[in-house]
Protein backbone atom coordinates (compact mmCIF):
# COMPACT_ATOMS: atom_id res chain seq x y z
CA MET A 1 164.52 138.84 -21.53
CA ILE A 2 166.62 139.61 -18.59
CA ASP A 3 167.99 136.04 -18.75
CA ILE A 4 168.72 136.18 -22.36
CA ILE A 5 170.79 139.54 -21.73
CA GLN A 6 172.63 137.82 -18.92
CA GLN A 7 173.44 134.85 -21.19
CA MET A 8 174.68 137.19 -23.85
CA LEU A 9 176.92 139.00 -21.51
CA SER A 10 178.39 135.79 -20.21
CA TYR A 11 180.23 135.33 -23.43
CA PRO A 12 183.38 137.65 -23.70
CA PHE A 13 183.18 137.88 -27.48
CA ILE A 14 179.72 139.14 -27.40
CA VAL A 15 180.63 141.71 -24.86
CA ARG A 16 183.60 142.75 -26.88
CA SER A 17 181.35 143.10 -29.93
CA ILE A 18 178.80 145.12 -28.03
CA ILE A 19 181.28 147.62 -26.86
CA VAL A 20 182.89 148.06 -30.33
CA GLY A 21 179.45 148.05 -31.91
CA VAL A 22 177.91 150.79 -29.82
CA LEU A 23 181.01 153.07 -30.38
CA VAL A 24 181.06 152.41 -34.15
CA SER A 25 177.35 152.86 -34.27
CA LEU A 26 177.64 156.26 -32.71
CA CYS A 27 180.49 157.32 -34.90
CA ALA A 28 178.80 156.24 -38.16
CA SER A 29 175.45 157.87 -37.24
CA LEU A 30 177.06 161.17 -36.42
CA LEU A 31 179.01 161.25 -39.69
CA GLY A 32 176.26 159.99 -41.75
CA VAL A 33 174.06 162.96 -41.16
CA SER A 34 176.78 165.26 -42.96
CA LEU A 35 177.46 162.53 -45.62
CA VAL A 36 173.63 162.16 -46.43
CA LEU A 37 173.06 165.98 -46.56
CA LYS A 38 176.20 166.43 -48.59
CA ARG A 39 174.87 163.64 -51.02
CA TYR A 40 177.90 161.68 -50.58
CA SER A 41 176.59 159.02 -48.62
CA MET A 42 177.97 156.20 -50.87
CA ILE A 43 181.38 156.97 -49.64
CA GLY A 44 180.96 154.52 -46.96
CA ASP A 45 180.13 151.75 -49.39
CA GLY A 46 183.11 152.85 -51.49
CA LEU A 47 185.57 152.87 -48.61
CA SER A 48 184.16 149.58 -47.25
CA HIS A 49 185.10 147.93 -50.54
CA VAL A 50 188.61 149.55 -50.39
CA GLY A 51 188.88 148.29 -46.84
CA PHE A 52 188.02 144.74 -47.92
CA GLY A 53 190.67 144.89 -50.65
CA ALA A 54 193.27 145.90 -48.02
CA LEU A 55 192.10 143.43 -45.50
CA ALA A 56 192.30 140.63 -48.04
CA ILE A 57 195.86 141.61 -49.05
CA ALA A 58 196.86 141.86 -45.40
CA SER A 59 195.48 138.34 -44.62
CA ALA A 60 196.95 136.89 -47.78
CA PHE A 61 200.53 138.02 -46.65
CA ASN A 62 199.85 137.37 -42.94
CA LEU A 63 200.12 141.09 -41.98
CA ALA A 64 198.09 142.88 -39.22
CA PRO A 65 194.64 143.59 -40.85
CA LEU A 66 193.72 146.97 -39.08
CA ALA A 67 197.38 148.28 -39.34
CA VAL A 68 197.44 147.75 -43.16
CA SER A 69 193.87 148.75 -43.72
CA ILE A 70 193.47 152.02 -41.88
CA PRO A 71 196.26 153.89 -43.94
CA VAL A 72 194.95 152.59 -47.22
CA VAL A 73 191.34 153.45 -46.54
CA VAL A 74 192.31 156.88 -45.44
CA LEU A 75 194.47 157.51 -48.66
CA ALA A 76 191.35 156.25 -50.55
CA ALA A 77 189.06 158.71 -48.78
CA PHE A 78 191.31 161.59 -49.70
CA LEU A 79 191.65 160.28 -53.36
CA LEU A 80 187.87 160.20 -53.57
CA LEU A 81 187.65 163.79 -52.43
CA ARG A 82 190.07 164.76 -55.04
CA LEU A 83 188.33 162.78 -57.74
CA SER A 84 184.95 164.31 -56.69
CA GLU A 85 186.39 167.84 -57.41
CA ASN A 86 187.33 166.85 -61.03
CA HIS A 87 184.38 167.95 -63.22
CA SER A 88 184.98 165.15 -65.56
CA LEU A 89 184.57 162.62 -63.09
CA LYS A 90 181.56 162.90 -60.63
CA GLY A 91 181.35 161.67 -57.00
CA ASP A 92 179.47 158.49 -57.74
CA ALA A 93 181.56 157.65 -60.67
CA SER A 94 184.80 158.16 -58.71
CA ILE A 95 183.51 155.94 -55.87
CA ALA A 96 182.55 153.22 -58.36
CA LEU A 97 185.88 153.33 -59.92
CA VAL A 98 187.93 153.21 -56.58
CA SER A 99 185.66 150.60 -55.01
CA THR A 100 185.32 148.10 -57.78
CA SER A 101 189.12 148.32 -58.42
CA SER A 102 189.93 147.72 -54.74
CA LEU A 103 187.75 144.80 -54.46
CA ALA A 104 189.01 143.18 -57.65
CA ILE A 105 192.56 143.56 -56.50
CA GLY A 106 191.75 142.09 -53.01
CA VAL A 107 190.17 139.02 -54.42
CA VAL A 108 192.84 138.45 -57.00
CA ALA A 109 195.42 138.82 -54.20
CA VAL A 110 193.71 136.18 -52.13
CA SER A 111 192.99 133.78 -54.76
CA LEU A 112 196.70 133.78 -55.93
CA THR A 113 197.95 133.26 -52.39
CA THR A 114 195.89 131.34 -49.79
CA GLY A 115 192.59 131.13 -51.51
CA MET A 116 189.23 132.27 -50.39
CA ASN A 117 189.41 131.18 -46.73
CA ILE A 118 186.82 131.73 -43.74
CA ASP A 119 188.61 135.06 -42.68
CA ILE A 120 187.90 136.78 -46.00
CA CYS A 121 184.30 135.74 -45.81
CA ASN A 122 184.09 137.29 -42.23
CA TYR A 123 185.53 140.62 -43.71
CA MET A 124 182.89 140.45 -46.38
CA PHE A 125 179.91 139.72 -44.27
CA GLY A 126 181.04 140.38 -40.85
CA SER A 127 181.42 138.18 -37.69
CA ILE A 128 181.25 138.70 -33.93
CA LEU A 129 183.78 136.06 -33.63
CA ALA A 130 186.41 138.06 -35.68
CA MET A 131 186.98 140.65 -32.94
CA SER A 132 190.30 139.69 -30.93
CA LYS A 133 191.15 141.65 -27.89
CA GLY A 134 193.88 143.60 -29.76
CA ASP A 135 191.16 144.60 -32.28
CA VAL A 136 188.87 145.74 -29.51
CA TYR A 137 191.47 147.96 -27.73
CA LEU A 138 192.41 149.76 -31.05
CA SER A 139 188.77 150.07 -32.10
CA ILE A 140 187.96 151.63 -28.85
CA ALA A 141 190.78 154.06 -28.99
CA LEU A 142 190.04 154.98 -32.61
CA SER A 143 186.31 155.40 -32.01
CA ILE A 144 186.89 157.75 -29.15
CA VAL A 145 189.29 159.71 -31.25
CA VAL A 146 186.45 160.02 -33.88
CA LEU A 147 183.82 161.01 -31.29
CA VAL A 148 186.17 163.66 -29.71
CA LEU A 149 187.10 165.26 -33.09
CA TYR A 150 183.45 165.31 -34.24
CA VAL A 151 182.46 167.20 -30.99
CA VAL A 152 185.28 169.61 -31.05
CA PHE A 153 184.58 170.57 -34.68
CA TYR A 154 180.88 170.28 -34.79
CA ASN A 155 180.26 173.83 -35.69
CA ARG A 156 182.70 173.70 -38.63
CA ILE A 157 181.20 170.41 -39.91
CA PHE A 158 177.80 171.96 -39.56
CA ALA A 159 178.91 174.82 -41.59
CA ILE A 160 180.38 172.90 -44.57
CA THR A 161 177.44 170.50 -44.49
CA PHE A 162 174.77 173.09 -45.42
CA ASP A 163 176.67 175.77 -47.39
CA GLU A 164 180.29 175.14 -48.07
CA ASN A 165 180.71 178.45 -50.25
CA PHE A 166 179.29 180.49 -47.39
CA ALA A 167 181.57 178.72 -44.86
CA LYS A 168 184.58 179.54 -47.08
CA ALA A 169 183.43 183.23 -47.23
CA THR A 170 183.48 183.40 -43.39
CA GLY A 171 187.00 182.08 -43.07
CA VAL A 172 186.22 178.31 -42.64
CA LYS A 173 188.77 176.19 -44.04
CA ALA A 174 186.29 174.06 -45.95
CA ASN A 175 188.89 171.74 -47.79
CA PHE A 176 190.42 170.91 -44.40
CA TYR A 177 187.18 169.93 -42.77
CA ASN A 178 186.02 167.88 -45.79
CA MET A 179 189.26 166.02 -45.44
CA LEU A 180 188.61 165.65 -41.85
CA LEU A 181 185.22 164.33 -42.46
CA ALA A 182 186.68 161.76 -45.00
CA LEU A 183 189.32 160.67 -42.44
CA LEU A 184 186.88 160.25 -39.72
CA THR A 185 184.66 158.23 -42.07
CA ALA A 186 187.51 156.02 -43.21
CA ILE A 187 188.46 155.16 -39.60
CA THR A 188 184.80 154.35 -38.72
CA ILE A 189 184.51 152.12 -41.87
CA VAL A 190 187.67 150.07 -41.01
CA VAL A 191 186.72 149.64 -37.33
CA GLY A 192 183.18 148.45 -38.12
CA MET A 193 184.01 146.32 -41.09
CA ARG A 194 185.14 143.36 -38.67
CA LEU A 195 181.68 143.25 -37.08
CA MET A 196 179.37 144.39 -40.01
CA GLY A 197 181.27 143.36 -42.95
CA ALA A 198 182.29 145.18 -46.09
CA LEU A 199 178.90 144.74 -47.61
CA LEU A 200 176.84 145.99 -44.78
CA ILE A 201 178.95 148.54 -42.87
CA SER A 202 177.55 151.54 -45.02
CA SER A 203 174.12 150.87 -43.60
CA LEU A 204 175.38 152.15 -40.34
CA ILE A 205 176.08 155.44 -41.96
CA ILE A 206 172.95 155.71 -44.21
CA PHE A 207 170.07 154.34 -42.36
CA PRO A 208 170.01 156.31 -39.05
CA ALA A 209 170.53 159.64 -40.80
CA LEU A 210 167.74 159.01 -43.36
CA THR A 211 165.47 157.34 -40.65
CA SER A 212 165.73 160.45 -38.50
CA MET A 213 165.20 162.94 -41.28
CA ARG A 214 161.58 161.39 -41.81
CA VAL A 215 160.62 162.83 -38.66
CA PHE A 216 163.02 165.65 -37.59
CA ARG A 217 164.09 168.67 -39.62
CA ASP A 218 166.61 170.74 -37.86
CA PHE A 219 170.39 169.52 -37.96
CA LYS A 220 170.90 169.10 -34.14
CA SER A 221 167.75 167.05 -33.74
CA VAL A 222 168.75 164.70 -36.54
CA VAL A 223 172.18 164.10 -35.03
CA ILE A 224 170.81 163.40 -31.67
CA SER A 225 167.94 161.16 -33.07
CA SER A 226 170.41 159.51 -35.37
CA SER A 227 172.95 158.51 -32.76
CA ILE A 228 170.22 157.21 -30.31
CA LEU A 229 168.46 155.31 -33.04
CA SER A 230 171.66 153.72 -34.36
CA VAL A 231 172.77 152.40 -30.83
CA ILE A 232 169.19 151.11 -30.16
CA CYS A 233 169.14 149.26 -33.61
CA PHE A 234 172.49 147.83 -32.91
CA ILE A 235 171.51 146.49 -29.58
CA ILE A 236 168.24 145.03 -30.86
CA GLY A 237 169.92 143.67 -33.88
CA ILE A 238 172.71 141.72 -31.95
CA THR A 239 170.11 140.48 -29.55
CA VAL A 240 167.81 139.14 -32.39
CA SER A 241 171.08 137.62 -33.84
CA TYR A 242 171.65 135.71 -30.58
CA ILE A 243 168.15 134.49 -30.31
CA SER A 244 167.42 133.46 -33.79
CA ASN A 245 171.01 132.47 -34.74
CA THR A 246 171.07 134.88 -37.77
CA PRO A 247 174.04 136.81 -38.85
CA THR A 248 174.66 139.88 -36.88
CA GLY A 249 175.30 142.40 -39.60
CA ALA A 250 172.20 141.33 -41.52
CA SER A 251 170.16 141.42 -38.36
CA ILE A 252 171.17 144.95 -37.53
CA VAL A 253 170.24 146.09 -41.07
CA VAL A 254 166.88 144.40 -40.99
CA VAL A 255 166.22 146.34 -37.54
CA ASN A 256 167.30 149.53 -39.30
CA ILE A 257 164.84 148.81 -42.18
CA ILE A 258 161.89 148.36 -39.78
CA MET A 259 162.76 151.52 -38.00
CA PHE A 260 162.83 153.49 -41.30
CA ILE A 261 159.56 152.28 -42.08
CA ILE A 262 158.07 153.23 -38.72
CA PHE A 263 159.69 156.65 -38.84
CA THR A 264 158.42 157.15 -42.35
CA ILE A 265 154.93 156.56 -41.27
CA VAL A 266 155.26 158.60 -38.12
CA GLY A 267 156.61 161.65 -40.16
CA LYS A 268 153.64 161.25 -42.64
CA VAL A 269 151.12 161.10 -39.88
CA ARG A 270 152.75 164.25 -38.30
CA ARG A 271 152.32 166.23 -41.40
CA TYR A 272 148.60 165.77 -41.67
């Protein structure tokens, strides 16, 4: 096993992927707890489709992918918040509306310009070869910003997660922190898409939180368990991918599925 790890670390692109993947896993797991508890976990899936559309258009016109996709996905996150507040258009409907529209626009833009090339497939399904040095530096910087902001505003995020109306009554600016949560989620989605792909990045948000909730009940324990579990699943997943030559994103998701099953069994045993 040690020999395999040494072999993996001898490849610079794998080292870059591990660094970014660990940071993204941490960010996604922390944000995922609040998103799942607020019943808004599918925002990750919706924003990943928006990100795919932005990345596809950027590639079609030879623009910097991350520089284009980050502001677009952030604006989409704010738009989803506004639409979810519209009583005639509920959260899941607004996510479906924005995500499918973005995906269609991206595919059409690419088909009319360069065609469906390998880069677009990487954005859709993820690739550890897709991370350039520039992407890594930007991803590390953005991930650190997300982690710092989450820690600084942890108490406020906790308040709006469990009782938004009570938080407003106590003077917490709930709308601002909802927008902050959407902003951090959007950044995490864009950063992680290069590694996990548009179709799988939302799994990093949903699985660790749901898995931890099978065993733990209080918010802090779930947050800690989710972050540790997410990093462990990522490391195991990328190792399995290297050994068995399977897609990285899919391997990580499969490991998360196994952990979910294990934690579900443990949770049921503890209740008896």
